[in-house]
């Protein structure tokens, strides 16, 4: 579960345009924007990013097996 928070923190840092410090995002420092805490927001973003990555692997794997 910690890896989902770290992945979410990385993508959140990218979404902000790398204007904040990655260390602050990883440690959950700052004000949450839409959730109860930054760690919760990072968890949700990490979960969504992992779902997208898994779906892409499945689609690419199916496309490769067809050809």
PDB file of N, CA and C in Angstrom:
ATOM      1  N   UNK A   1       0.821  -1.184   0.000  1.00  0.00           N
ATOM      2  CA  UNK A   1       0.000   0.000   0.000  1.00  0.00           C
ATOM      3  C   UNK A   1       0.867   1.251   0.000  1.00  0.00           C
ATOM      4  N   UNK A   2       2.031   1.165   0.601  1.00  0.00           N
ATOM      5  CA  UNK A   2       2.940   2.310   0.622  1.00  0.00           C
ATOM      6  C   UNK A   2       3.421   2.651  -0.790  1.00  0.00           C
ATOM      7  N   UNK A   3       3.590   1.634  -1.631  1.00  0.00           N
ATOM      8  CA  UNK A   3       4.047   1.905  -2.991  1.00  0.00           C
ATOM      9  C   UNK A   3       2.987   2.644  -3.794  1.00  0.00           C
ATOM     10  N   UNK A   4       1.697   2.431  -3.491  1.00  0.00           N
ATOM     11  CA  UNK A   4       0.645   3.200  -4.163  1.00  0.00           C
ATOM     12  C   UNK A   4       0.718   4.664  -3.767  1.00  0.00           C
ATOM     13  N   UNK A   5       1.009   4.935  -2.505  1.00  0.00           N
ATOM     14  CA  UNK A   5       1.137   6.317  -2.033  1.00  0.00           C
ATOM     15  C   UNK A   5       2.338   6.984  -2.704  1.00  0.00           C
ATOM     16  N   UNK A   6       3.448   6.243  -2.832  1.00  0.00           N
ATOM     17  CA  UNK A   6       4.638   6.816  -3.465  1.00  0.00           C
ATOM     18  C   UNK A   6       4.413   7.075  -4.950  1.00  0.00           C
ATOM     19  N   UNK A   7       3.753   6.156  -5.635  1.00  0.00           N
ATOM     20  CA  UNK A   7       3.445   6.370  -7.057  1.00  0.00           C
ATOM     21  C   UNK A   7       2.495   7.555  -7.204  1.00  0.00           C
ATOM     22  N   UNK A   8       1.494   7.629  -6.338  1.00  0.00           N
ATOM     23  CA  UNK A   8       0.561   8.756  -6.375  1.00  0.00           C
ATOM     24  C   UNK A   8       1.243  10.077  -6.101  1.00  0.00           C
ATOM     25  N   UNK A   9       2.190  10.078  -5.157  1.00  0.00           N
ATOM     26  CA  UNK A   9       2.927  11.305  -4.851  1.00  0.00           C
ATOM     27  C   UNK A   9       3.751  11.747  -6.053  1.00  0.00           C
ATOM     28  N   UNK A  10       4.352  10.781  -6.750  1.00  0.00           N
ATOM     29  CA  UNK A  10       5.141  11.122  -7.935  1.00  0.00           C
ATOM     30  C   UNK A  10       4.255  11.717  -9.027  1.00  0.00           C
ATOM     31  N   UNK A  11       3.102  11.087  -9.301  1.00  0.00           N
ATOM     32  CA  UNK A  11       2.213  11.623 -10.331  1.00  0.00           C
ATOM     33  C   UNK A  11       1.600  12.953  -9.912  1.00  0.00           C
ATOM     34  N   UNK A  12       1.299  13.107  -8.628  1.00  0.00           N
ATOM     35  CA  UNK A  12       0.784  14.389  -8.142  1.00  0.00           C
ATOM     36  C   UNK A  12       1.824  15.483  -8.332  1.00  0.00           C
ATOM     37  N   UNK A  13       3.085  15.160  -8.069  1.00  0.00           N
ATOM     38  CA  UNK A  13       4.186  16.101  -8.276  1.00  0.00           C
ATOM     39  C   UNK A  13       4.285  16.477  -9.751  1.00  0.00           C
ATOM     40  N   UNK A  14       4.116  15.492 -10.643  1.00  0.00           N
ATOM     41  CA  UNK A  14       4.138  15.783 -12.081  1.00  0.00           C
ATOM     42  C   UNK A  14       2.952  16.648 -12.484  1.00  0.00           C
ATOM     43  N   UNK A  15       1.758  16.355 -11.931  1.00  0.00           N
ATOM     44  CA  UNK A  15       0.566  17.143 -12.259  1.00  0.00           C
ATOM     45  C   UNK A  15       0.720  18.604 -11.855  1.00  0.00           C
ATOM     46  N   UNK A  16       1.449  18.838 -10.771  1.00  0.00           N
ATOM     47  CA  UNK A  16       1.673  20.214 -10.308  1.00  0.00           C
ATOM     48  C   UNK A  16       2.746  20.915 -11.126  1.00  0.00           C
ATOM     49  N   UNK A  17       3.317  20.244 -12.106  1.00  0.00           N
ATOM     50  CA  UNK A  17       4.335  20.851 -12.948  1.00  0.00           C
ATOM     51  C   UNK A  17       5.699  20.898 -12.292  1.00  0.00           C
ATOM     52  N   UNK A  18       5.961  20.004 -11.371  1.00  0.00           N
ATOM     53  CA  UNK A  18       7.250  19.910 -10.666  1.00  0.00           C
ATOM     54  C   UNK A  18       7.593  21.206  -9.929  1.00  0.00           C
ATOM     55  N   UNK A  19       6.578  21.956  -9.511  1.00  0.00           N
ATOM     56  CA  UNK A  19       6.815  23.233  -8.828  1.00  0.00           C
ATOM     57  C   UNK A  19       7.052  23.057  -7.332  1.00  0.00           C
ATOM     58  N   UNK A  20       6.578  21.937  -6.797  1.00  0.00           N
ATOM     59  CA  UNK A  20       6.807  21.665  -5.379  1.00  0.00           C
ATOM     60  C   UNK A  20       7.984  20.707  -5.247  1.00  0.00           C
ATOM     61  N   UNK A  21       8.374  20.443  -4.011  1.00  0.00           N
ATOM     62  CA  UNK A  21       9.456  19.487  -3.774  1.00  0.00           C
ATOM     63  C   UNK A  21       8.856  18.084  -3.729  1.00  0.00           C
ATOM     64  N   UNK A  22       9.505  17.155  -4.409  1.00  0.00           N
ATOM     65  CA  UNK A  22       9.043  15.775  -4.423  1.00  0.00           C
ATOM     66  C   UNK A  22       9.069  15.195  -3.010  1.00  0.00           C
ATOM     67  N   UNK A  23      10.024  15.587  -2.216  1.00  0.00           N
ATOM     68  CA  UNK A  23      10.133  15.110  -0.836  1.00  0.00           C
ATOM     69  C   UNK A  23       8.882  15.485  -0.037  1.00  0.00           C
ATOM     70  N   UNK A  24       8.369  16.709  -0.248  1.00  0.00           N
ATOM     71  CA  UNK A  24       7.155  17.126   0.452  1.00  0.00           C
ATOM     72  C   UNK A  24       5.955  16.294   0.026  1.00  0.00           C
ATOM     73  N   UNK A  25       5.884  15.968  -1.253  1.00  0.00           N
ATOM     74  CA  UNK A  25       4.788  15.135  -1.745  1.00  0.00           C
ATOM     75  C   UNK A  25       4.882  13.729  -1.169  1.00  0.00           C
ATOM     76  N   UNK A  26       6.090  13.184  -1.095  1.00  0.00           N
ATOM     77  CA  UNK A  26       6.269  11.825  -0.581  1.00  0.00           C
ATOM     78  C   UNK A  26       5.950  11.728   0.903  1.00  0.00           C
ATOM     79  N   UNK A  27       6.231  12.784   1.658  1.00  0.00           N
ATOM     80  CA  UNK A  27       5.993  12.769   3.098  1.00  0.00           C
ATOM     81  C   UNK A  27       4.620  13.324   3.471  1.00  0.00           C
ATOM     82  N   UNK A  28       3.828  13.745   2.488  1.00  0.00           N
ATOM     83  CA  UNK A  28       2.480  14.219   2.753  1.00  0.00           C
ATOM     84  C   UNK A  28       2.411  15.570   3.424  1.00  0.00           C
ATOM     85  N   UNK A  29       3.377  16.434   3.146  1.00  0.00           N
ATOM     86  CA  UNK A  29       3.376  17.774   3.733  1.00  0.00           C
ATOM     87  C   UNK A  29       2.613  18.722   2.825  1.00  0.00           C
ATOM     88  N   UNK A  30       1.838  19.586   3.400  1.00  0.00           N
ATOM     89  CA  UNK A  30       1.088  20.569   2.638  1.00  0.00           C
ATOM     90  C   UNK A  30      -0.404  20.419   2.870  1.00  0.00           C
ATOM     91  N   UNK A  31      -1.169  21.181   2.128  1.00  0.00           N
ATOM     92  CA  UNK A  31      -2.617  21.196   2.262  1.00  0.00           C
ATOM     93  C   UNK A  31      -3.249  20.240   1.254  1.00  0.00           C
ATOM     94  N   UNK A  32      -4.184  19.405   1.688  1.00  0.00           N
ATOM     95  CA  UNK A  32      -4.917  18.564   0.730  1.00  0.00           C
ATOM     96  C   UNK A  32      -5.866  19.420  -0.103  1.00  0.00           C
ATOM     97  N   UNK A  33      -6.094  19.020  -1.347  1.00  0.00           N
ATOM     98  CA  UNK A  33      -6.952  19.808  -2.223  1.00  0.00           C
ATOM     99  C   UNK A  33      -8.367  19.263  -2.301  1.00  0.00           C
ATOM    100  N   UNK A  34      -8.560  17.947  -2.345  1.00  0.00           N
ATOM    101  CA  UNK A  34      -9.907  17.404  -2.486  1.00  0.00           C
ATOM    102  C   UNK A  34     -10.197  16.237  -1.549  1.00  0.00           C
ATOM    103  N   UNK A  35      -9.224  15.756  -0.824  1.00  0.00           N
ATOM    104  CA  UNK A  35      -9.433  14.627   0.080  1.00  0.00           C
ATOM    105  C   UNK A  35      -9.169  15.019   1.515  1.00  0.00           C
ATOM    106  N   UNK A  36      -9.361  14.072   2.426  1.00  0.00           N
ATOM    107  CA  UNK A  36      -9.115  14.388   3.835  1.00  0.00           C
ATOM    108  C   UNK A  36      -7.642  14.596   4.170  1.00  0.00           C
ATOM    109  N   UNK A  37      -6.739  13.960   3.407  1.00  0.00           N
ATOM    110  CA  UNK A  37      -5.301  14.147   3.647  1.00  0.00           C
ATOM    111  C   UNK A  37      -4.554  13.955   2.332  1.00  0.00           C
ATOM    112  N   UNK A  38      -3.318  14.417   2.303  1.00  0.00           N
ATOM    113  CA  UNK A  38      -2.507  14.274   1.096  1.00  0.00           C
ATOM    114  C   UNK A  38      -2.170  12.806   0.855  1.00  0.00           C
ATOM    115  N   UNK A  39      -1.935  12.044   1.922  1.00  0.00           N
ATOM    116  CA  UNK A  39      -1.641  10.627   1.740  1.00  0.00           C
ATOM    117  C   UNK A  39      -2.823   9.887   1.120  1.00  0.00           C
ATOM    118  N   UNK A  40      -4.045  10.253   1.494  1.00  0.00           N
ATOM    119  CA  UNK A  40      -5.222   9.647   0.876  1.00  0.00           C
ATOM    120  C   UNK A  40      -5.302  10.017  -0.598  1.00  0.00           C
ATOM    121  N   UNK A  41      -5.061  11.290  -0.907  1.00  0.00           N
ATOM    122  CA  UNK A  41      -5.073  11.727  -2.302  1.00  0.00           C
ATOM    123  C   UNK A  41      -4.004  11.000  -3.113  1.00  0.00           C
ATOM    124  N   UNK A  42      -2.805  10.861  -2.537  1.00  0.00           N
ATOM    125  CA  UNK A  42      -1.734  10.150  -3.229  1.00  0.00           C
ATOM    126  C   UNK A  42      -2.090   8.681  -3.427  1.00  0.00           C
ATOM    127  N   UNK A  43      -2.766   8.072  -2.456  1.00  0.00           N
ATOM    128  CA  UNK A  43      -3.187   6.683  -2.579  1.00  0.00           C
ATOM    129  C   UNK A  43      -4.171   6.517  -3.730  1.00  0.00           C
ATOM    130  N   UNK A  44      -5.152   7.407  -3.819  1.00  0.00           N
ATOM    131  CA  UNK A  44      -6.155   7.317  -4.883  1.00  0.00           C
ATOM    132  C   UNK A  44      -5.505   7.537  -6.248  1.00  0.00           C
ATOM    133  N   UNK A  45      -4.629   8.520  -6.355  1.00  0.00           N
ATOM    134  CA  UNK A  45      -3.931   8.784  -7.618  1.00  0.00           C
ATOM    135  C   UNK A  45      -3.051   7.589  -7.992  1.00  0.00           C
ATOM    136  N   UNK A  46      -2.354   7.012  -7.020  1.00  0.00           N
ATOM    137  CA  UNK A  46      -1.521   5.842  -7.277  1.00  0.00           C
ATOM    138  C   UNK A  46      -2.348   4.642  -7.703  1.00  0.00           C
ATOM    139  N   UNK A  47      -3.503   4.446  -7.091  1.00  0.00           N
ATOM    140  CA  UNK A  47      -4.386   3.347  -7.459  1.00  0.00           C
ATOM    141  C   UNK A  47      -4.890   3.509  -8.891  1.00  0.00           C
ATOM    142  N   UNK A  48      -5.311   4.709  -9.243  1.00  0.00           N
ATOM    143  CA  UNK A  48      -5.776   4.967 -10.608  1.00  0.00           C
ATOM    144  C   UNK A  48      -4.647   4.802 -11.617  1.00  0.00           C
ATOM    145  N   UNK A  49      -3.458   5.264 -11.283  1.00  0.00           N
ATOM    146  CA  UNK A  49      -2.317   5.119 -12.187  1.00  0.00           C
ATOM    147  C   UNK A  49      -1.970   3.651 -12.388  1.00  0.00           C
ATOM    148  N   UNK A  50      -2.024   2.854 -11.321  1.00  0.00           N
ATOM    149  CA  UNK A  50      -1.732   1.425 -11.460  1.00  0.00           C
ATOM    150  C   UNK A  50      -2.785   0.712 -12.296  1.00  0.00           C
ATOM    151  N   UNK A  51      -4.050   1.079 -12.143  1.00  0.00           N
ATOM    152  CA  UNK A  51      -5.104   0.481 -12.958  1.00  0.00           C
ATOM    153  C   UNK A  51      -4.878   0.801 -14.426  1.00  0.00           C
ATOM    154  N   UNK A  52      -4.527   2.041 -14.729  1.00  0.00           N
ATOM    155  CA  UNK A  52      -4.265   2.439 -16.119  1.00  0.00           C
ATOM    156  C   UNK A  52      -3.074   1.663 -16.677  1.00  0.00           C
ATOM    157  N   UNK A  53      -2.015   1.521 -15.894  1.00  0.00           N
ATOM    158  CA  UNK A  53      -0.824   0.801 -16.352  1.00  0.00           C
ATOM    159  C   UNK A  53      -1.149  -0.667 -16.605  1.00  0.00           C
ATOM    160  N   UNK A  54      -1.916  -1.301 -15.711  1.00  0.00           N
ATOM    161  CA  UNK A  54      -2.287  -2.703 -15.899  1.00  0.00           C
ATOM    162  C   UNK A  54      -3.150  -2.880 -17.134  1.00  0.00           C
ATOM    163  N   UNK A  55      -4.113  -1.989 -17.342  1.00  0.00           N
ATOM    164  CA  UNK A  55      -4.968  -2.072 -18.533  1.00  0.00           C
ATOM    165  C   UNK A  55      -4.136  -1.893 -19.798  1.00  0.00           C
ATOM    166  N   UNK A  56      -3.182  -0.986 -19.790  1.00  0.00           N
ATOM    167  CA  UNK A  56      -2.318  -0.805 -20.961  1.00  0.00           C
ATOM    168  C   UNK A  56      -1.499  -2.057 -21.242  1.00  0.00           C
ATOM    169  N   UNK A  57      -0.972  -2.703 -20.201  1.00  0.00           N
ATOM    170  CA  UNK A  57      -0.229  -3.950 -20.398  1.00  0.00           C
ATOM    171  C   UNK A  57      -1.123  -5.032 -20.993  1.00  0.00           C
ATOM    172  N   UNK A  58      -2.361  -5.111 -20.540  1.00  0.00           N
ATOM    173  CA  UNK A  58      -3.285  -6.109 -21.080  1.00  0.00           C
ATOM    174  C   UNK A  58      -3.588  -5.814 -22.537  1.00  0.00           C
ATOM    175  N   UNK A  59      -3.845  -4.561 -22.874  1.00  0.00           N
ATOM    176  CA  UNK A  59      -4.150  -4.191 -24.258  1.00  0.00           C
ATOM    177  C   UNK A  59      -2.956  -4.453 -25.162  1.00  0.00           C
ATOM    178  N   UNK A  60      -1.760  -4.064 -24.718  1.00  0.00           N
ATOM    179  CA  UNK A  60      -0.561  -4.286 -25.531  1.00  0.00           C
ATOM    180  C   UNK A  60      -0.296  -5.778 -25.671  1.00  0.00           C
ATOM    181  N   UNK A  61      -0.489  -6.540 -24.596  1.00  0.00           N
ATOM    182  CA  UNK A  61      -0.280  -7.978 -24.671  1.00  0.00           C
ATOM    183  C   UNK A  61      -1.245  -8.650 -25.632  1.00  0.00           C
ATOM    184  N   UNK A  62      -2.488  -8.225 -25.625  1.00  0.00           N
ATOM    185  CA  UNK A  62      -3.462  -8.786 -26.564  1.00  0.00           C
ATOM    186  C   UNK A  62      -3.141  -8.380 -28.001  1.00  0.00           C
ATOM    187  N   UNK A  63      -2.694  -7.142 -28.192  1.00  0.00           N
ATOM    188  CA  UNK A  63      -2.360  -6.678 -29.532  1.00  0.00           C
ATOM    189  C   UNK A  63      -1.154  -7.434 -30.077  1.00  0.00           C
ATOM    190  N   UNK A  64      -0.180  -7.711 -29.227  1.00  0.00           N
ATOM    191  CA  UNK A  64       1.009  -8.455 -29.667  1.00  0.00           C
ATOM    192  C   UNK A  64       0.652  -9.892 -29.992  1.00  0.00           C
ATOM    193  N   UNK A  65      -0.245 -10.497 -29.216  1.00  0.00           N
ATOM    194  CA  UNK A  65      -0.606 -11.896 -29.467  1.00  0.00           C
ATOM    195  C   UNK A  65      -1.446 -12.038 -30.736  1.00  0.00           C
ATOM    196  N   UNK A  66      -2.162 -10.993 -31.122  1.00  0.00           N
ATOM    197  CA  UNK A  66      -2.956 -11.053 -32.358  1.00  0.00           C
ATOM    198  C   UNK A  66      -2.050 -11.016 -33.576  1.00  0.00           C
ATOM    199  N   UNK A  67      -1.030 -10.184 -33.514  1.00  0.00           N
ATOM    200  CA  UNK A  67      -0.141 -10.047 -34.667  1.00  0.00           C
ATOM    201  C   UNK A  67       0.951 -11.054 -34.541  1.00  0.00           C
TER     202      UNK A  67
END
